[in-house]
Protein backbone atom coordinates (compact mmCIF):
# COMPACT_ATOMS: atom_id res chain seq x y z
CA MET A 1 26.96 -15.37 40.55
CA GLU A 2 28.12 -15.09 36.95
CA GLU A 3 30.42 -12.16 36.27
CA LYS A 4 30.55 -10.59 32.82
CA GLN A 5 33.30 -8.26 31.65
CA LYS A 6 32.02 -4.75 31.03
CA TYR A 7 33.65 -1.82 29.26
CA TYR A 8 32.73 1.84 29.70
CA CYS A 9 33.13 4.84 27.42
CA SER A 10 31.99 7.39 30.00
CA PHE A 11 30.89 7.87 33.60
CA ILE A 12 28.14 10.12 34.96
CA LYS A 13 27.73 11.63 38.40
CA VAL A 14 24.44 13.35 39.29
CA GLY A 15 23.85 15.63 42.28
CA ASN A 16 23.04 19.10 43.56
CA LYS A 17 24.75 22.06 41.90
CA GLU A 18 26.98 22.82 44.91
CA PHE A 19 28.44 19.32 45.05
CA MET A 20 28.82 18.93 41.30
CA GLU A 21 30.73 22.22 41.10
CA LYS A 22 33.06 21.02 43.87
CA LEU A 23 33.62 17.83 41.91
CA PHE A 24 34.19 19.63 38.61
CA TYR A 25 36.46 22.46 39.79
CA ASP A 26 38.23 20.84 42.75
CA GLY A 27 37.84 17.15 42.07
CA GLU A 28 36.22 16.71 45.48
CA ILE A 29 35.12 13.09 45.88
CA PHE A 30 32.76 12.57 48.82
CA CYS A 31 32.59 8.92 49.87
CA ASN A 32 29.82 8.13 52.31
CA THR A 33 29.70 5.06 54.54
CA LEU A 34 28.07 1.76 53.73
CA ASP A 35 25.69 2.00 56.65
CA TYR A 36 24.59 5.46 55.45
CA PHE A 37 23.02 3.82 52.40
CA GLN A 38 21.68 0.93 54.48
CA ASN A 39 19.80 3.28 56.80
CA LEU A 40 18.39 5.86 54.39
CA PRO A 41 14.58 6.29 54.35
CA GLN A 42 13.11 3.78 51.92
CA GLU A 43 11.63 6.48 49.68
CA ASN A 44 15.17 7.62 48.84
CA LEU A 45 16.34 6.10 45.54
CA MET A 46 19.78 5.46 47.07
CA ALA A 47 18.39 3.48 50.01
CA ASP A 48 19.26 -0.21 50.15
CA PRO A 49 19.05 -1.94 53.56
CA ASN A 50 20.59 -5.05 51.98
CA ASP A 51 23.65 -3.30 50.54
CA GLY A 52 26.72 -5.18 51.71
CA ASP A 53 24.88 -8.43 52.56
CA ILE A 54 27.12 -11.49 52.52
CA LYS A 55 24.47 -14.14 51.81
CA LEU A 56 20.85 -14.53 50.72
CA ILE A 57 18.85 -17.59 51.74
CA GLN A 58 15.47 -18.41 50.18
CA ALA A 59 13.78 -19.98 53.20
CA LYS A 60 10.75 -22.29 53.06
CA ASN A 61 8.09 -23.33 55.56
CA ILE A 62 8.80 -20.56 58.03
CA LYS A 63 7.26 -20.69 61.50
CA LEU A 64 7.38 -17.75 63.91
CA GLU A 65 6.07 -17.52 67.44
CA PHE A 66 5.38 -14.25 69.21
CA LYS A 67 3.36 -13.67 72.40
CA ASP A 68 1.68 -17.06 72.24
CA LYS A 69 0.79 -16.56 68.59
CA THR A 70 2.14 -18.62 65.71
CA PHE A 71 2.74 -17.24 62.24
CA LEU A 72 3.30 -19.50 59.25
CA SER A 73 4.63 -18.73 55.79
CA ASP A 74 5.49 -21.08 52.95
CA LYS A 75 8.48 -18.91 51.94
CA GLY A 76 10.62 -15.98 52.96
CA GLN A 77 14.11 -14.54 52.74
CA ILE A 78 16.98 -14.42 55.18
CA HIS A 79 19.62 -11.76 54.54
CA LEU A 80 22.91 -12.34 56.34
CA LYS A 81 25.21 -9.43 57.17
CA ASN A 82 28.76 -9.09 58.39
CA PRO A 83 28.48 -6.69 61.38
CA ASN A 84 32.19 -5.94 61.13
CA LEU A 85 32.04 -4.79 57.50
CA LYS A 86 32.89 -1.09 57.48
CA GLY A 87 33.90 1.11 54.61
CA ASN A 88 33.05 3.85 52.15
CA LEU A 89 31.42 3.86 48.74
CA TYR A 90 31.72 6.10 45.72
CA CYS A 91 29.23 5.36 42.97
CA LEU A 92 28.96 6.37 39.32
CA TYR A 93 26.57 5.70 36.46
CA GLY A 94 28.44 3.80 33.76
CA VAL A 95 27.73 4.20 30.03
CA GLU A 96 28.75 0.87 28.53
CA THR A 97 30.71 0.90 25.29
CA LYS A 98 28.42 -1.76 23.82
CA THR A 99 25.48 0.70 23.96
CA ILE A 100 27.28 3.07 21.56
CA GLU A 101 26.85 1.99 17.96
CA PRO A 102 29.12 3.05 15.06
CA SER A 103 27.58 5.90 13.12
CA GLU A 104 28.32 8.04 10.06
CA THR A 105 26.54 10.99 11.69
CA PHE A 106 26.24 12.37 15.21
CA LYS A 107 23.73 10.54 17.39
CA LYS A 108 22.36 11.43 20.80
CA LEU A 109 23.07 9.21 23.77
CA ASP A 110 20.10 7.05 24.71
CA LEU A 111 20.14 7.30 28.51
CA ASP A 112 17.46 6.29 31.00
CA LEU A 113 18.34 8.40 34.03
CA SER A 114 15.06 7.93 35.92
CA ALA A 115 16.78 5.79 38.56
CA ILE A 116 19.39 8.41 39.47
CA ASP A 117 17.09 11.39 40.00
CA TRP A 118 18.91 12.89 42.99
CA GLY A 119 20.08 16.24 41.68
CA ASP A 120 19.67 18.82 38.92
CA TYR A 121 23.30 18.89 37.79
CA ALA A 122 25.66 16.31 36.39
CA ILE A 123 29.29 15.65 35.56
CA TYR A 124 29.86 13.77 32.31
CA ILE A 125 33.32 12.15 32.46
CA PHE A 126 34.52 11.34 28.96
CA ASP A 127 38.12 10.37 29.75
CA THR A 128 37.43 7.36 31.94
CA LEU A 129 41.00 6.06 32.04
CA GLU A 130 42.38 9.35 33.33
CA PHE A 131 39.63 9.60 35.94
CA LEU A 132 40.45 6.10 37.17
CA ARG A 133 44.14 6.98 37.31
CA ARG A 134 43.49 10.09 39.40
CA MET A 135 41.14 8.21 41.73
CA GLU A 136 43.71 5.49 42.33
CA ALA A 137 46.41 8.05 43.07
CA ALA A 138 44.19 9.96 45.50
CA ILE A 139 43.17 6.83 47.40
CA LYS A 140 46.72 5.54 47.63
CA LYS A 141 47.86 8.95 48.87
CA GLU A 142 45.59 8.41 51.88
CA GLN A 143 47.08 4.93 52.31
CA LEU A 144 43.70 3.27 51.90
CA GLN A 145 42.82 -0.03 50.26
CA PHE A 146 40.14 -0.08 47.57
CA GLU A 147 38.31 -2.17 44.99
CA PHE A 148 36.63 -0.89 41.83
CA HIS A 149 34.02 -2.92 40.01
CA PRO A 150 30.66 -2.74 38.21
CA VAL A 151 27.73 -3.70 40.39
CA LEU A 152 26.34 -7.14 39.53
CA TYR A 153 22.57 -7.30 39.87
CA TYR A 154 20.69 -10.40 41.04
CA ASP A 155 17.04 -11.43 41.07
CA ASP A 156 16.31 -11.43 44.78
CA LYS A 157 13.15 -13.47 44.27
CA ILE A 158 15.04 -16.54 43.13
CA TYR A 159 18.77 -16.06 43.79
CA GLU A 160 20.31 -17.89 46.70
CA GLY A 161 23.98 -17.76 47.60
CA ASP A 162 26.91 -15.57 48.51
CA LEU A 163 26.90 -11.78 48.07
CA ASN A 164 29.36 -8.92 48.51
CA VAL A 165 29.50 -5.12 48.30
CA PHE A 166 29.37 -5.31 44.50
CA ASN A 167 26.01 -7.13 44.42
CA LYS A 168 22.61 -5.43 44.48
CA SER A 169 19.02 -6.42 43.82
CA ILE A 170 17.83 -6.27 40.22
CA LYS A 171 15.38 -3.53 41.25
CA PHE A 172 18.39 -1.16 41.18
CA GLU A 173 19.53 -2.30 37.73
CA LYS A 174 18.65 0.96 35.97
CA GLN A 175 21.25 2.76 38.09
CA LYS A 176 23.94 1.03 35.98
CA GLU A 177 26.28 1.47 38.89
CA ILE A 178 30.00 1.11 39.05
CA ARG A 179 31.48 1.68 42.47
CA TYR A 180 34.55 2.10 44.57
CA TRP A 181 34.69 0.21 47.85
CA ILE A 182 37.19 1.67 50.30
CA ALA A 183 37.81 -0.33 53.47
CA ASN A 184 37.69 2.06 56.43
CA THR A 185 37.16 0.95 60.02
CA ASN A 186 36.61 4.57 61.16
CA ASN A 187 33.12 4.34 59.64
CA GLU A 188 33.10 8.04 58.78
CA PRO A 189 32.67 9.79 55.42
CA ILE A 190 35.92 10.62 53.66
CA LYS A 191 36.87 13.18 51.02
CA LEU A 192 39.43 12.77 48.28
CA TYR A 193 40.71 15.48 45.95
CA LEU A 194 41.60 14.82 42.32
CA GLY A 195 42.13 18.43 41.25
CA ASP A 196 40.35 20.29 38.45
CA LEU A 197 38.41 17.83 36.24
CA SER A 198 37.50 20.30 33.48
CA ASP A 199 39.99 18.66 31.11
CA ILE A 200 38.31 15.24 31.30
CA SER A 201 34.65 16.06 31.99
CA ILE A 202 31.73 18.40 31.35
CA LEU A 203 29.57 20.17 33.96
CA LEU A 204 25.99 20.54 32.79
CA ASN A 205 22.37 20.51 33.77
CA ARG A 206 21.15 16.96 34.30
CA ASN A 207 18.51 17.32 31.58
CA GLU A 208 21.21 18.34 29.08
CA LEU A 209 22.80 14.90 29.27
CA GLN A 210 20.27 13.77 26.69
CA ASN A 211 21.67 16.35 24.26
CA ILE A 212 25.20 14.91 24.22
CA GLU A 213 25.99 13.49 20.79
CA TYR A 214 28.64 11.03 19.70
CA ASP A 215 30.16 9.94 16.41
CA TYR A 216 32.63 7.16 15.70
CA LYS A 217 33.28 4.70 12.90
């Protein structure tokens, strides 16, 4: 799967007021487990039963037998998982630098947030480098191993090949996700604390994100 370098000018986290205030004032980072997202009800926008798959096979001429009945299909998909893969995820919406155009006047951000409609409040992180530094320090303090990477989206109707925890179906593409993967065999949610984030972010109503303006030359 082709990997393209991406650069981000800001990160966004959306959620309920209680959790966003904990993030903003205390830097509380709640990292849920991989299988939490795999087993969410399908109507939940975060649900992805194929998150963490290790391979996708586009099968042809499938034949199934069940209770003396035979079922035939000219195509289908086989998703392979690693049952021993355990860990935690922390996900953010990434605003790519390439989407911000030079301007002589202030312009509003053009954000499509329809795919991350899971709360009325948001944290807009404008100092991305400092946030990454604090995250790394907090994770290392807990003596945990981590990876940080943008999610690479694939067309699950045609793609065949290897996958990992940074690959998701193209149907999630509007989430513009960047994520932390923290290996953790305990398979329990974990919390990290970065401290007060008010110096590098803004707490606001989710709908107010569209009112943020930028200007650079």
